[in-house]
């Protein structure tokens, strides 16, 4: 969904949430608003950044009328959230179709099989964190006892054994490693998609993204 100035109150409310100021791009609150609006977190972050700069006349007027009144701001945001389709995968406005892109990174990829296999719900952003870990380890250290494995498990709230499970799937994706055949595992394809999205790029791209995403779980 494209940005419209009608959405400013929601960004102002996020910006003013204590502690007031620009929230990290992938903070839970920033992502929640991005998912509600079907607008990437990067855009939400950019809009918050504009609030710290010299305001345009229209934005200055908005701040004067509702931005400095928490009660009025809350009422305005409630009305916006009451619009049909807000926060759903349907329509925000009657004539605007929602084409999901980044939203899929925050949705489970194994919902149909998680309970059957005894695995947690994995989202692509979780798999990104584990891929970043993969490139910081060697196969011999991909064990539940490894401190970095434990740290990642605590961060994204899964067991160390589940982290190792995904690391083994990435071993299967790695063309430079001979690994146990896991071709029938339902999680292999989601892992392969993340692998091909990042594994051939500059490793600092993946590393920087993982550091940004950490705040989502903190």
N, C-alpha and C. Protein backbone atom coordinates (compact mmCIF):
# COMPACT_ATOMS: atom_id res chain seq x y z
N UNK A 1 0.84 -1.19 0.00
CA UNK A 1 0.00 0.00 0.00
C UNK A 1 0.88 1.25 0.00
N UNK A 2 0.61 2.22 -0.87
CA UNK A 2 1.43 3.43 -0.91
C UNK A 2 1.17 4.33 0.29
N UNK A 3 2.18 5.12 0.63
CA UNK A 3 2.06 6.07 1.73
C UNK A 3 1.11 7.20 1.35
N UNK A 4 0.28 7.62 2.31
CA UNK A 4 -0.54 8.82 2.14
C UNK A 4 -0.41 9.64 3.42
N UNK A 5 -0.56 10.95 3.30
CA UNK A 5 -0.41 11.81 4.47
C UNK A 5 -1.49 11.58 5.53
N UNK A 6 -2.55 10.89 5.17
CA UNK A 6 -3.59 10.55 6.15
C UNK A 6 -3.05 9.63 7.25
N UNK A 7 -1.90 8.99 6.98
CA UNK A 7 -1.34 8.03 7.93
C UNK A 7 -0.39 8.67 8.94
N UNK A 8 -0.11 9.95 8.81
CA UNK A 8 0.85 10.61 9.69
C UNK A 8 0.52 10.44 11.18
N UNK A 9 -0.74 10.55 11.59
CA UNK A 9 -1.02 10.41 13.04
C UNK A 9 -0.50 9.11 13.63
N UNK A 10 -0.55 8.02 12.86
CA UNK A 10 -0.08 6.74 13.37
C UNK A 10 1.43 6.75 13.58
N UNK A 11 2.15 7.41 12.67
CA UNK A 11 3.60 7.51 12.81
C UNK A 11 3.96 8.45 13.96
N UNK A 12 3.21 9.52 14.09
CA UNK A 12 3.44 10.46 15.20
C UNK A 12 3.23 9.76 16.53
N UNK A 13 2.19 8.94 16.60
CA UNK A 13 1.91 8.21 17.84
C UNK A 13 3.05 7.25 18.17
N UNK A 14 3.57 6.57 17.16
CA UNK A 14 4.71 5.68 17.37
C UNK A 14 5.94 6.47 17.82
N UNK A 15 6.19 7.59 17.17
CA UNK A 15 7.34 8.43 17.50
C UNK A 15 7.26 8.93 18.94
N UNK A 16 6.07 9.28 19.38
CA UNK A 16 5.90 9.86 20.72
C UNK A 16 5.78 8.82 21.82
N UNK A 17 5.68 7.55 21.45
CA UNK A 17 5.62 6.51 22.47
C UNK A 17 6.90 6.51 23.29
N UNK A 18 6.78 6.43 24.61
CA UNK A 18 7.93 6.52 25.49
C UNK A 18 8.83 5.30 25.32
N UNK A 19 10.15 5.53 25.27
CA UNK A 19 10.82 6.84 25.24
C UNK A 19 10.63 7.49 23.87
N UNK A 20 10.19 8.75 23.87
CA UNK A 20 9.89 9.45 22.63
C UNK A 20 11.13 9.54 21.75
N UNK A 21 10.90 9.46 20.45
CA UNK A 21 11.99 9.57 19.50
C UNK A 21 11.86 8.52 18.41
N UNK A 22 12.85 8.47 17.54
CA UNK A 22 12.85 7.51 16.43
C UNK A 22 13.04 6.10 16.98
N UNK A 23 12.13 5.22 16.64
CA UNK A 23 12.23 3.83 17.06
C UNK A 23 13.07 3.05 16.04
N UNK A 24 13.81 2.05 16.48
CA UNK A 24 14.58 1.24 15.53
C UNK A 24 13.68 0.69 14.42
N UNK A 25 14.26 0.54 13.25
CA UNK A 25 13.48 0.13 12.08
C UNK A 25 12.73 -1.18 12.32
N UNK A 26 13.38 -2.11 13.02
CA UNK A 26 12.75 -3.42 13.24
C UNK A 26 12.34 -3.63 14.69
N UNK A 27 12.09 -2.56 15.41
CA UNK A 27 11.52 -2.73 16.74
C UNK A 27 10.16 -3.37 16.59
N UNK A 28 9.69 -4.03 17.64
CA UNK A 28 8.40 -4.71 17.56
C UNK A 28 7.27 -3.73 17.21
N UNK A 29 7.33 -2.52 17.78
CA UNK A 29 6.28 -1.53 17.52
C UNK A 29 6.33 -1.04 16.07
N UNK A 30 7.54 -0.83 15.55
CA UNK A 30 7.68 -0.37 14.16
C UNK A 30 7.16 -1.43 13.19
N UNK A 31 7.52 -2.67 13.45
CA UNK A 31 7.08 -3.76 12.57
C UNK A 31 5.57 -3.95 12.67
N UNK A 32 5.03 -3.83 13.88
CA UNK A 32 3.58 -3.98 14.06
C UNK A 32 2.83 -2.93 13.22
N UNK A 33 3.30 -1.69 13.27
CA UNK A 33 2.64 -0.64 12.49
C UNK A 33 2.84 -0.89 11.00
N UNK A 34 4.02 -1.32 10.61
CA UNK A 34 4.28 -1.62 9.20
C UNK A 34 3.34 -2.71 8.69
N UNK A 35 3.12 -3.74 9.49
CA UNK A 35 2.22 -4.82 9.10
C UNK A 35 0.77 -4.34 9.03
N UNK A 36 0.39 -3.46 9.94
CA UNK A 36 -0.97 -2.90 9.92
C UNK A 36 -1.21 -2.13 8.63
N UNK A 37 -0.21 -1.34 8.24
CA UNK A 37 -0.38 -0.45 7.09
C UNK A 37 0.02 -1.10 5.77
N UNK A 38 0.66 -2.27 5.84
CA UNK A 38 1.22 -2.90 4.65
C UNK A 38 2.21 -1.96 3.97
N UNK A 39 3.01 -1.30 4.80
CA UNK A 39 4.06 -0.40 4.34
C UNK A 39 5.37 -0.85 4.97
N UNK A 40 6.45 -1.03 4.21
CA UNK A 40 7.69 -1.57 4.75
C UNK A 40 8.21 -0.78 5.96
N UNK A 41 8.85 -1.47 6.91
CA UNK A 41 9.41 -0.79 8.08
C UNK A 41 10.38 0.33 7.72
N UNK A 42 11.06 0.18 6.58
CA UNK A 42 12.00 1.22 6.16
C UNK A 42 11.29 2.55 5.94
N UNK A 43 10.06 2.48 5.39
CA UNK A 43 9.29 3.70 5.13
C UNK A 43 8.82 4.31 6.46
N UNK A 44 8.37 3.47 7.38
CA UNK A 44 7.95 3.96 8.70
C UNK A 44 9.12 4.65 9.38
N UNK A 45 10.30 4.05 9.29
CA UNK A 45 11.50 4.62 9.90
C UNK A 45 11.83 5.97 9.28
N UNK A 46 11.75 6.06 7.95
CA UNK A 46 12.05 7.31 7.26
C UNK A 46 11.07 8.41 7.67
N UNK A 47 9.81 8.06 7.84
CA UNK A 47 8.81 9.05 8.24
C UNK A 47 9.09 9.54 9.66
N UNK A 48 9.49 8.65 10.56
CA UNK A 48 9.83 9.08 11.91
C UNK A 48 11.03 10.01 11.88
N UNK A 49 11.98 9.71 11.02
CA UNK A 49 13.17 10.56 10.90
C UNK A 49 12.79 11.97 10.47
N UNK A 50 11.78 12.09 9.59
CA UNK A 50 11.34 13.41 9.15
C UNK A 50 10.77 14.23 10.29
N UNK A 51 10.20 13.56 11.29
CA UNK A 51 9.62 14.29 12.43
C UNK A 51 10.70 14.96 13.27
N UNK A 52 11.93 14.52 13.13
CA UNK A 52 13.02 15.12 13.89
C UNK A 52 13.66 16.28 13.14
N UNK A 53 13.29 16.45 11.88
CA UNK A 53 13.83 17.52 11.07
C UNK A 53 12.88 18.71 11.07
N UNK A 54 13.21 19.72 10.29
CA UNK A 54 12.33 20.88 10.18
C UNK A 54 11.05 20.45 9.48
N UNK A 55 9.91 20.67 10.13
CA UNK A 55 8.64 20.17 9.61
C UNK A 55 8.13 21.02 8.46
N UNK A 56 7.47 20.37 7.53
CA UNK A 56 6.79 21.09 6.46
C UNK A 56 5.60 21.82 7.07
N UNK A 57 5.07 22.85 6.40
CA UNK A 57 3.91 23.58 6.94
C UNK A 57 2.73 22.67 7.27
N UNK A 58 2.43 21.72 6.39
CA UNK A 58 1.28 20.84 6.64
C UNK A 58 1.53 19.92 7.83
N UNK A 59 2.75 19.43 7.95
CA UNK A 59 3.07 18.54 9.07
C UNK A 59 3.15 19.33 10.38
N UNK A 60 3.64 20.56 10.28
CA UNK A 60 3.69 21.42 11.46
C UNK A 60 2.27 21.72 11.97
N UNK A 61 1.35 21.95 11.02
CA UNK A 61 -0.05 22.19 11.40
C UNK A 61 -0.65 20.95 12.07
N UNK A 62 -0.32 19.78 11.53
CA UNK A 62 -0.83 18.54 12.11
C UNK A 62 -0.31 18.35 13.54
N UNK A 63 0.96 18.65 13.75
CA UNK A 63 1.53 18.53 15.08
C UNK A 63 0.87 19.51 16.04
N UNK A 64 0.56 20.71 15.56
CA UNK A 64 -0.06 21.73 16.42
C UNK A 64 -1.50 21.35 16.78
N UNK A 65 -2.19 20.70 15.84
CA UNK A 65 -3.61 20.41 16.07
C UNK A 65 -3.84 19.12 16.85
N UNK A 66 -3.08 18.07 16.55
CA UNK A 66 -3.30 16.80 17.27
C UNK A 66 -2.03 16.22 17.90
N UNK A 67 -0.88 16.57 17.34
CA UNK A 67 0.36 15.96 17.81
C UNK A 67 0.74 16.34 19.23
N UNK A 68 0.28 17.49 19.68
CA UNK A 68 0.62 17.93 21.04
C UNK A 68 -0.50 17.66 22.04
N UNK A 69 -1.51 16.94 21.58
CA UNK A 69 -2.61 16.54 22.45
C UNK A 69 -2.72 15.01 22.43
N UNK A 70 -2.14 14.33 23.41
CA UNK A 70 -2.17 12.86 23.41
C UNK A 70 -3.57 12.28 23.27
N UNK A 71 -4.54 12.90 23.93
CA UNK A 71 -5.90 12.39 23.86
C UNK A 71 -6.47 12.50 22.45
N UNK A 72 -6.28 13.67 21.84
CA UNK A 72 -6.81 13.86 20.49
C UNK A 72 -6.06 12.98 19.48
N UNK A 73 -4.75 12.82 19.70
CA UNK A 73 -3.96 11.96 18.82
C UNK A 73 -4.45 10.52 18.91
N UNK A 74 -4.70 10.06 20.13
CA UNK A 74 -5.19 8.69 20.33
C UNK A 74 -6.54 8.48 19.65
N UNK A 75 -7.41 9.48 19.74
CA UNK A 75 -8.73 9.38 19.12
C UNK A 75 -8.60 9.31 17.60
N UNK A 76 -7.72 10.14 17.05
CA UNK A 76 -7.52 10.15 15.60
C UNK A 76 -6.98 8.80 15.13
N UNK A 77 -6.02 8.26 15.88
CA UNK A 77 -5.43 6.96 15.51
C UNK A 77 -6.46 5.84 15.62
N UNK A 78 -7.32 5.92 16.62
CA UNK A 78 -8.37 4.91 16.77
C UNK A 78 -9.31 4.93 15.58
N UNK A 79 -9.63 6.13 15.09
CA UNK A 79 -10.51 6.23 13.93
C UNK A 79 -9.83 5.65 12.69
N UNK A 80 -8.53 5.91 12.54
CA UNK A 80 -7.81 5.35 11.40
C UNK A 80 -7.79 3.83 11.46
N UNK A 81 -7.58 3.32 12.68
CA UNK A 81 -7.51 1.86 12.83
C UNK A 81 -8.87 1.20 12.65
N UNK A 82 -9.92 1.97 12.76
CA UNK A 82 -11.26 1.43 12.58
C UNK A 82 -11.66 1.31 11.11
N UNK A 83 -10.82 1.88 10.22
CA UNK A 83 -11.12 1.80 8.80
C UNK A 83 -11.16 0.34 8.36
N UNK A 84 -12.04 0.04 7.46
CA UNK A 84 -12.20 -1.33 6.98
C UNK A 84 -10.90 -1.87 6.40
N UNK A 85 -10.48 -3.04 6.88
CA UNK A 85 -9.32 -3.70 6.34
C UNK A 85 -8.04 -3.38 7.03
N UNK A 86 -8.02 -2.43 7.97
CA UNK A 86 -6.78 -2.04 8.64
C UNK A 86 -6.21 -3.23 9.40
N UNK A 87 -4.97 -3.58 9.08
CA UNK A 87 -4.31 -4.67 9.77
C UNK A 87 -4.66 -6.04 9.22
N UNK A 88 -5.45 -6.10 8.15
CA UNK A 88 -5.80 -7.38 7.56
C UNK A 88 -5.16 -7.52 6.19
N UNK A 89 -5.26 -8.70 5.64
CA UNK A 89 -4.70 -8.91 4.30
C UNK A 89 -5.76 -8.60 3.24
N UNK A 90 -6.81 -7.90 3.63
CA UNK A 90 -7.83 -7.52 2.65
C UNK A 90 -7.52 -6.13 2.12
N UNK A 91 -8.43 -5.19 2.26
CA UNK A 91 -8.22 -3.85 1.71
C UNK A 91 -8.24 -2.81 2.82
N UNK A 92 -7.33 -1.86 2.72
CA UNK A 92 -7.31 -0.75 3.67
C UNK A 92 -8.32 0.30 3.20
N UNK A 93 -8.23 0.64 1.93
CA UNK A 93 -9.27 1.47 1.31
C UNK A 93 -9.97 0.61 0.26
N UNK A 94 -11.21 0.96 -0.05
CA UNK A 94 -12.00 0.13 -0.94
C UNK A 94 -11.33 -0.09 -2.29
N UNK A 95 -10.59 0.90 -2.78
CA UNK A 95 -10.03 0.79 -4.12
C UNK A 95 -8.53 0.48 -4.11
N UNK A 96 -7.99 0.00 -2.98
CA UNK A 96 -6.57 -0.30 -2.90
C UNK A 96 -6.39 -1.77 -2.58
N UNK A 97 -5.76 -2.51 -3.48
CA UNK A 97 -5.48 -3.92 -3.24
C UNK A 97 -4.18 -4.06 -2.47
N UNK A 98 -4.15 -5.03 -1.56
CA UNK A 98 -2.96 -5.28 -0.77
C UNK A 98 -2.14 -6.37 -1.44
N UNK A 99 -0.91 -6.05 -1.80
CA UNK A 99 0.00 -7.01 -2.40
C UNK A 99 1.12 -7.25 -1.40
N UNK A 100 1.04 -8.35 -0.67
CA UNK A 100 1.97 -8.57 0.42
C UNK A 100 3.37 -8.90 -0.10
N UNK A 101 4.36 -8.28 0.52
CA UNK A 101 5.76 -8.53 0.16
C UNK A 101 6.55 -8.79 1.45
N UNK A 102 7.00 -7.71 2.10
CA UNK A 102 7.80 -7.84 3.31
C UNK A 102 7.03 -8.54 4.43
N UNK A 103 5.70 -8.43 4.41
CA UNK A 103 4.88 -9.04 5.47
C UNK A 103 5.17 -10.53 5.62
N UNK A 104 5.46 -11.18 4.51
CA UNK A 104 5.68 -12.62 4.53
C UNK A 104 6.90 -13.01 5.36
N UNK A 105 7.84 -12.08 5.51
CA UNK A 105 9.04 -12.38 6.31
C UNK A 105 8.72 -12.52 7.79
N UNK A 106 7.57 -12.05 8.21
CA UNK A 106 7.19 -12.11 9.62
C UNK A 106 6.08 -13.13 9.88
N UNK A 107 5.83 -13.97 8.89
CA UNK A 107 4.79 -14.98 9.03
C UNK A 107 5.40 -16.37 9.00
N UNK A 108 4.87 -17.32 9.78
CA UNK A 108 5.45 -18.67 9.82
C UNK A 108 5.46 -19.34 8.45
N UNK A 109 6.55 -20.05 8.19
CA UNK A 109 6.68 -20.78 6.93
C UNK A 109 6.33 -22.26 7.11
N UNK A 110 6.16 -22.70 8.35
CA UNK A 110 5.92 -24.12 8.60
C UNK A 110 4.66 -24.37 9.44
N UNK A 111 3.70 -23.45 9.36
CA UNK A 111 2.49 -23.59 10.17
C UNK A 111 1.78 -24.94 9.96
N UNK A 112 1.68 -25.46 8.72
CA UNK A 112 0.96 -26.72 8.53
C UNK A 112 1.64 -27.92 9.18
N UNK A 113 2.98 -27.86 9.35
CA UNK A 113 3.71 -29.05 9.82
C UNK A 113 4.33 -28.89 11.20
N UNK A 114 4.27 -27.69 11.78
CA UNK A 114 4.98 -27.44 13.04
C UNK A 114 4.53 -28.38 14.15
N UNK A 115 3.24 -28.49 14.35
CA UNK A 115 2.75 -29.33 15.44
C UNK A 115 3.05 -30.80 15.18
N UNK A 116 2.92 -31.21 13.94
CA UNK A 116 3.15 -32.61 13.58
C UNK A 116 4.62 -33.01 13.79
N UNK A 117 5.53 -32.07 13.48
CA UNK A 117 6.96 -32.37 13.60
C UNK A 117 7.53 -31.98 14.95
N UNK A 118 6.74 -31.30 15.78
CA UNK A 118 7.25 -30.89 17.09
C UNK A 118 8.22 -29.74 17.03
N UNK A 119 8.16 -28.98 15.96
CA UNK A 119 9.06 -27.83 15.79
C UNK A 119 8.32 -26.53 16.11
N UNK A 120 9.06 -25.48 16.48
CA UNK A 120 8.41 -24.18 16.68
C UNK A 120 8.00 -23.58 15.35
N UNK A 121 7.21 -22.53 15.40
CA UNK A 121 6.87 -21.80 14.18
C UNK A 121 8.07 -20.95 13.79
N UNK A 122 8.60 -21.20 12.60
CA UNK A 122 9.73 -20.43 12.09
C UNK A 122 9.23 -19.40 11.08
N UNK A 123 9.72 -18.18 11.20
CA UNK A 123 9.45 -17.14 10.21
C UNK A 123 10.73 -16.88 9.42
N UNK A 124 10.63 -16.28 8.23
CA UNK A 124 11.83 -15.97 7.48
C UNK A 124 12.83 -15.10 8.25
N UNK A 125 12.35 -14.16 9.08
CA UNK A 125 13.31 -13.34 9.82
C UNK A 125 14.08 -14.19 10.83
N UNK A 126 13.46 -15.23 11.38
CA UNK A 126 14.17 -16.15 12.25
C UNK A 126 15.22 -16.93 11.46
N UNK A 127 14.85 -17.35 10.26
CA UNK A 127 15.79 -18.09 9.42
C UNK A 127 16.95 -17.21 8.98
N UNK A 128 16.69 -15.92 8.82
CA UNK A 128 17.78 -14.98 8.50
C UNK A 128 18.78 -14.91 9.64
N UNK A 129 18.28 -14.84 10.87
CA UNK A 129 19.15 -14.80 12.03
C UNK A 129 20.01 -16.07 12.12
N UNK A 130 19.40 -17.21 11.81
CA UNK A 130 20.13 -18.47 11.89
C UNK A 130 21.13 -18.60 10.74
N UNK A 131 20.79 -18.05 9.58
CA UNK A 131 21.75 -18.06 8.47
C UNK A 131 22.97 -17.21 8.81
N UNK A 132 22.74 -16.07 9.43
CA UNK A 132 23.87 -15.24 9.86
C UNK A 132 24.75 -16.02 10.84
N UNK A 133 24.14 -16.76 11.74
CA UNK A 133 24.89 -17.60 12.67
C UNK A 133 25.66 -18.68 11.91
N UNK A 134 25.04 -19.26 10.91
CA UNK A 134 25.67 -20.31 10.11
C UNK A 134 27.04 -19.86 9.58
N UNK A 135 27.10 -18.64 9.08
CA UNK A 135 28.34 -18.15 8.49
C UNK A 135 29.37 -17.72 9.53
N UNK A 136 28.99 -17.77 10.80
CA UNK A 136 29.94 -17.46 11.88
C UNK A 136 30.45 -18.72 12.57
N UNK A 137 29.99 -19.87 12.09
CA UNK A 137 30.39 -21.13 12.69
C UNK A 137 31.05 -22.04 11.66
N UNK A 138 31.62 -23.13 12.15
CA UNK A 138 32.06 -24.22 11.29
C UNK A 138 31.20 -25.42 11.66
N UNK A 139 31.07 -26.41 10.77
CA UNK A 139 30.17 -27.53 11.07
C UNK A 139 30.41 -28.18 12.43
N UNK A 140 31.65 -28.27 12.85
CA UNK A 140 31.94 -28.94 14.13
C UNK A 140 31.36 -28.19 15.32
N UNK A 141 31.11 -26.88 15.17
CA UNK A 141 30.58 -26.09 16.29
C UNK A 141 29.07 -25.89 16.20
N UNK A 142 28.43 -26.52 15.23
CA UNK A 142 26.98 -26.40 15.10
C UNK A 142 26.30 -27.40 16.02
N UNK A 143 26.43 -27.16 17.30
CA UNK A 143 25.88 -28.05 18.32
C UNK A 143 25.11 -27.23 19.34
N UNK A 144 24.20 -27.86 20.09
CA UNK A 144 23.43 -27.12 21.10
C UNK A 144 24.28 -26.53 22.21
N UNK A 145 25.49 -27.05 22.39
CA UNK A 145 26.35 -26.59 23.48
C UNK A 145 27.16 -25.34 23.12
N UNK A 146 27.23 -25.00 21.85
CA UNK A 146 28.02 -23.85 21.41
C UNK A 146 27.40 -22.55 21.92
N UNK A 147 28.18 -21.67 22.56
CA UNK A 147 27.63 -20.43 23.12
C UNK A 147 26.85 -19.58 22.12
N UNK A 148 27.36 -19.43 20.89
CA UNK A 148 26.65 -18.61 19.91
C UNK A 148 25.30 -19.23 19.53
N UNK A 149 25.24 -20.56 19.52
CA UNK A 149 23.98 -21.24 19.24
C UNK A 149 22.99 -20.97 20.37
N UNK A 150 23.47 -21.08 21.61
CA UNK A 150 22.61 -20.82 22.76
C UNK A 150 22.12 -19.37 22.76
N UNK A 151 23.01 -18.45 22.41
CA UNK A 151 22.64 -17.03 22.41
C UNK A 151 21.55 -16.74 21.38
N UNK A 152 21.70 -17.29 20.18
CA UNK A 152 20.68 -17.09 19.15
C UNK A 152 19.36 -17.73 19.56
N UNK A 153 19.44 -18.89 20.19
CA UNK A 153 18.22 -19.58 20.66
C UNK A 153 17.48 -18.73 21.68
N UNK A 154 18.22 -18.14 22.62
CA UNK A 154 17.59 -17.28 23.63
C UNK A 154 16.97 -16.06 22.98
N UNK A 155 17.67 -15.49 22.00
CA UNK A 155 17.19 -14.27 21.36
C UNK A 155 15.86 -14.50 20.67
N UNK A 156 15.77 -15.54 19.83
CA UNK A 156 14.55 -15.72 19.04
C UNK A 156 13.57 -16.69 19.70
N UNK A 157 13.89 -17.10 20.93
CA UNK A 157 12.98 -17.87 21.78
C UNK A 157 12.62 -19.24 21.20
N UNK A 158 13.65 -19.98 20.82
CA UNK A 158 13.48 -21.40 20.46
C UNK A 158 14.58 -22.17 21.18
N UNK A 159 14.55 -23.48 21.11
CA UNK A 159 15.58 -24.27 21.77
C UNK A 159 16.86 -24.30 20.93
N UNK A 160 17.97 -24.56 21.60
CA UNK A 160 19.24 -24.68 20.88
C UNK A 160 19.19 -25.83 19.89
N UNK A 161 18.46 -26.89 20.22
CA UNK A 161 18.33 -28.02 19.30
C UNK A 161 17.61 -27.61 18.02
N UNK A 162 16.64 -26.71 18.15
CA UNK A 162 15.94 -26.23 16.94
C UNK A 162 16.85 -25.36 16.08
N UNK A 163 17.74 -24.61 16.72
CA UNK A 163 18.72 -23.83 15.96
C UNK A 163 19.62 -24.78 15.17
N UNK A 164 20.10 -25.83 15.82
CA UNK A 164 20.97 -26.79 15.16
C UNK A 164 20.23 -27.48 14.01
N UNK A 165 18.97 -27.75 14.21
CA UNK A 165 18.16 -28.36 13.14
C UNK A 165 18.18 -27.49 11.88
N UNK A 166 17.99 -26.18 12.04
CA UNK A 166 18.01 -25.29 10.88
C UNK A 166 19.42 -25.17 10.32
N UNK A 167 20.42 -25.14 11.19
CA UNK A 167 21.81 -25.10 10.71
C UNK A 167 22.12 -26.31 9.83
N UNK A 168 21.59 -27.46 10.19
CA UNK A 168 21.79 -28.66 9.39
C UNK A 168 21.11 -28.54 8.02
N UNK A 169 19.97 -27.88 8.00
CA UNK A 169 19.31 -27.64 6.72
C UNK A 169 20.15 -26.71 5.84
N UNK A 170 20.79 -25.71 6.46
CA UNK A 170 21.67 -24.83 5.69
C UNK A 170 22.91 -25.57 5.21
N UNK A 171 23.38 -26.53 5.98
CA UNK A 171 24.48 -27.38 5.52
C UNK A 171 24.09 -28.10 4.24
N UNK A 172 22.83 -28.52 4.17
CA UNK A 172 22.33 -29.19 2.98
C UNK A 172 22.26 -28.23 1.79
N UNK A 173 22.03 -26.95 2.08
CA UNK A 173 21.95 -25.94 1.01
C UNK A 173 23.34 -25.53 0.51
N UNK A 174 24.34 -25.68 1.36
CA UNK A 174 25.69 -25.20 1.06
C UNK A 174 26.36 -26.11 0.03
N UNK A 175 26.68 -25.60 -1.16
CA UNK A 175 27.28 -26.45 -2.19
C UNK A 175 28.71 -26.89 -1.86
N UNK A 176 29.34 -26.26 -0.86
CA UNK A 176 30.71 -26.61 -0.50
C UNK A 176 30.79 -27.62 0.64
N UNK A 177 29.62 -28.12 1.07
CA UNK A 177 29.59 -29.04 2.20
C UNK A 177 28.84 -30.31 1.82
N UNK A 178 29.43 -31.45 2.17
CA UNK A 178 28.73 -32.73 2.01
C UNK A 178 27.96 -33.00 3.30
N UNK A 179 26.65 -33.01 3.21
CA UNK A 179 25.83 -33.16 4.42
C UNK A 179 24.84 -34.30 4.27
N UNK A 180 24.23 -34.64 5.40
CA UNK A 180 23.22 -35.69 5.40
C UNK A 180 22.03 -35.28 4.53
N UNK A 181 21.50 -36.22 3.81
CA UNK A 181 20.36 -35.93 2.93
C UNK A 181 19.13 -35.55 3.75
N UNK A 182 18.63 -34.32 3.55
CA UNK A 182 17.42 -33.86 4.22
C UNK A 182 16.40 -33.36 3.20
N UNK A 183 16.49 -33.90 2.00
CA UNK A 183 15.68 -33.39 0.89
C UNK A 183 14.19 -33.56 1.10
N UNK A 184 13.79 -34.45 2.00
CA UNK A 184 12.35 -34.64 2.24
C UNK A 184 11.83 -33.78 3.38
N UNK A 185 12.70 -33.02 4.01
CA UNK A 185 12.28 -32.19 5.15
C UNK A 185 11.45 -31.01 4.66
N UNK A 186 10.26 -30.77 5.23
CA UNK A 186 9.40 -29.67 4.76
C UNK A 186 10.00 -28.29 4.98
N UNK A 187 10.98 -28.17 5.88
CA UNK A 187 11.60 -26.87 6.13
C UNK A 187 12.74 -26.56 5.16
N UNK A 188 13.12 -27.54 4.35
CA UNK A 188 14.26 -27.32 3.46
C UNK A 188 13.99 -26.21 2.45
N UNK A 189 12.82 -26.21 1.85
CA UNK A 189 12.53 -25.21 0.82
C UNK A 189 12.52 -23.79 1.39
N UNK A 190 11.88 -23.52 2.54
CA UNK A 190 11.97 -22.17 3.11
C UNK A 190 13.42 -21.76 3.41
N UNK A 191 14.22 -22.72 3.91
CA UNK A 191 15.63 -22.41 4.19
C UNK A 191 16.39 -22.14 2.89
N UNK A 192 16.08 -22.91 1.87
CA UNK A 192 16.75 -22.72 0.59
C UNK A 192 16.45 -21.34 0.02
N UNK A 193 15.21 -20.85 0.20
CA UNK A 193 14.85 -19.53 -0.30
C UNK A 193 15.67 -18.44 0.40
N UNK A 194 15.84 -18.56 1.71
CA UNK A 194 16.65 -17.58 2.44
C UNK A 194 18.11 -17.71 2.03
N UNK A 195 18.57 -18.93 1.85
CA UNK A 195 19.96 -19.15 1.42
C UNK A 195 20.24 -18.42 0.10
N UNK A 196 19.39 -18.63 -0.88
CA UNK A 196 19.63 -18.01 -2.19
C UNK A 196 19.37 -16.50 -2.18
N UNK A 197 18.64 -16.04 -1.20
CA UNK A 197 18.42 -14.60 -1.10
C UNK A 197 19.68 -13.87 -0.62
N UNK A 198 20.45 -14.53 0.27
CA UNK A 198 21.56 -13.83 0.91
C UNK A 198 22.93 -14.48 0.74
N UNK A 199 23.01 -15.76 0.50
CA UNK A 199 24.29 -16.46 0.58
C UNK A 199 25.30 -16.00 -0.46
N UNK A 200 24.83 -15.52 -1.59
CA UNK A 200 25.75 -15.12 -2.65
C UNK A 200 26.04 -13.62 -2.66
N UNK A 201 25.49 -12.89 -1.71
CA UNK A 201 25.72 -11.45 -1.62
C UNK A 201 26.93 -11.16 -0.73
N UNK A 202 27.28 -9.91 -0.67
CA UNK A 202 28.31 -9.46 0.26
C UNK A 202 27.88 -9.89 1.67
N UNK A 203 28.71 -10.63 2.40
CA UNK A 203 28.30 -11.12 3.73
C UNK A 203 27.94 -10.02 4.71
N UNK A 204 28.45 -8.80 4.48
CA UNK A 204 28.11 -7.72 5.40
C UNK A 204 26.64 -7.32 5.28
N UNK A 205 26.01 -7.58 4.12
CA UNK A 205 24.58 -7.27 3.96
C UNK A 205 23.76 -8.12 4.92
N UNK A 206 24.05 -9.42 4.96
CA UNK A 206 23.35 -10.31 5.88
C UNK A 206 23.67 -9.97 7.32
N UNK A 207 24.93 -9.72 7.60
CA UNK A 207 25.34 -9.42 8.98
C UNK A 207 24.68 -8.14 9.48
N UNK A 208 24.66 -7.11 8.66
CA UNK A 208 24.04 -5.84 9.07
C UNK A 208 22.54 -6.00 9.28
N UNK A 209 21.89 -6.77 8.41
CA UNK A 209 20.46 -6.99 8.57
C UNK A 209 20.18 -7.75 9.86
N UNK A 210 20.98 -8.75 10.16
CA UNK A 210 20.78 -9.52 11.39
C UNK A 210 20.93 -8.64 12.62
N UNK A 211 21.91 -7.73 12.59
CA UNK A 211 22.09 -6.83 13.74
C UNK A 211 20.87 -5.90 13.89
N UNK A 212 20.32 -5.46 12.76
CA UNK A 212 19.13 -4.61 12.81
C UNK A 212 17.92 -5.39 13.35
N UNK A 213 17.81 -6.64 12.95
CA UNK A 213 16.66 -7.45 13.34
C UNK A 213 16.68 -7.85 14.81
N UNK A 214 17.84 -7.85 15.43
CA UNK A 214 17.94 -8.28 16.82
C UNK A 214 16.95 -7.56 17.72
N UNK A 215 16.74 -6.27 17.45
CA UNK A 215 15.88 -5.46 18.31
C UNK A 215 14.43 -5.95 18.27
N UNK A 216 14.05 -6.67 17.23
CA UNK A 216 12.68 -7.16 17.12
C UNK A 216 12.34 -8.10 18.27
N UNK A 217 13.32 -8.84 18.77
CA UNK A 217 13.07 -9.78 19.85
C UNK A 217 13.45 -9.24 21.23
N UNK A 218 14.05 -8.06 21.28
CA UNK A 218 14.54 -7.54 22.58
C UNK A 218 13.49 -6.66 23.22
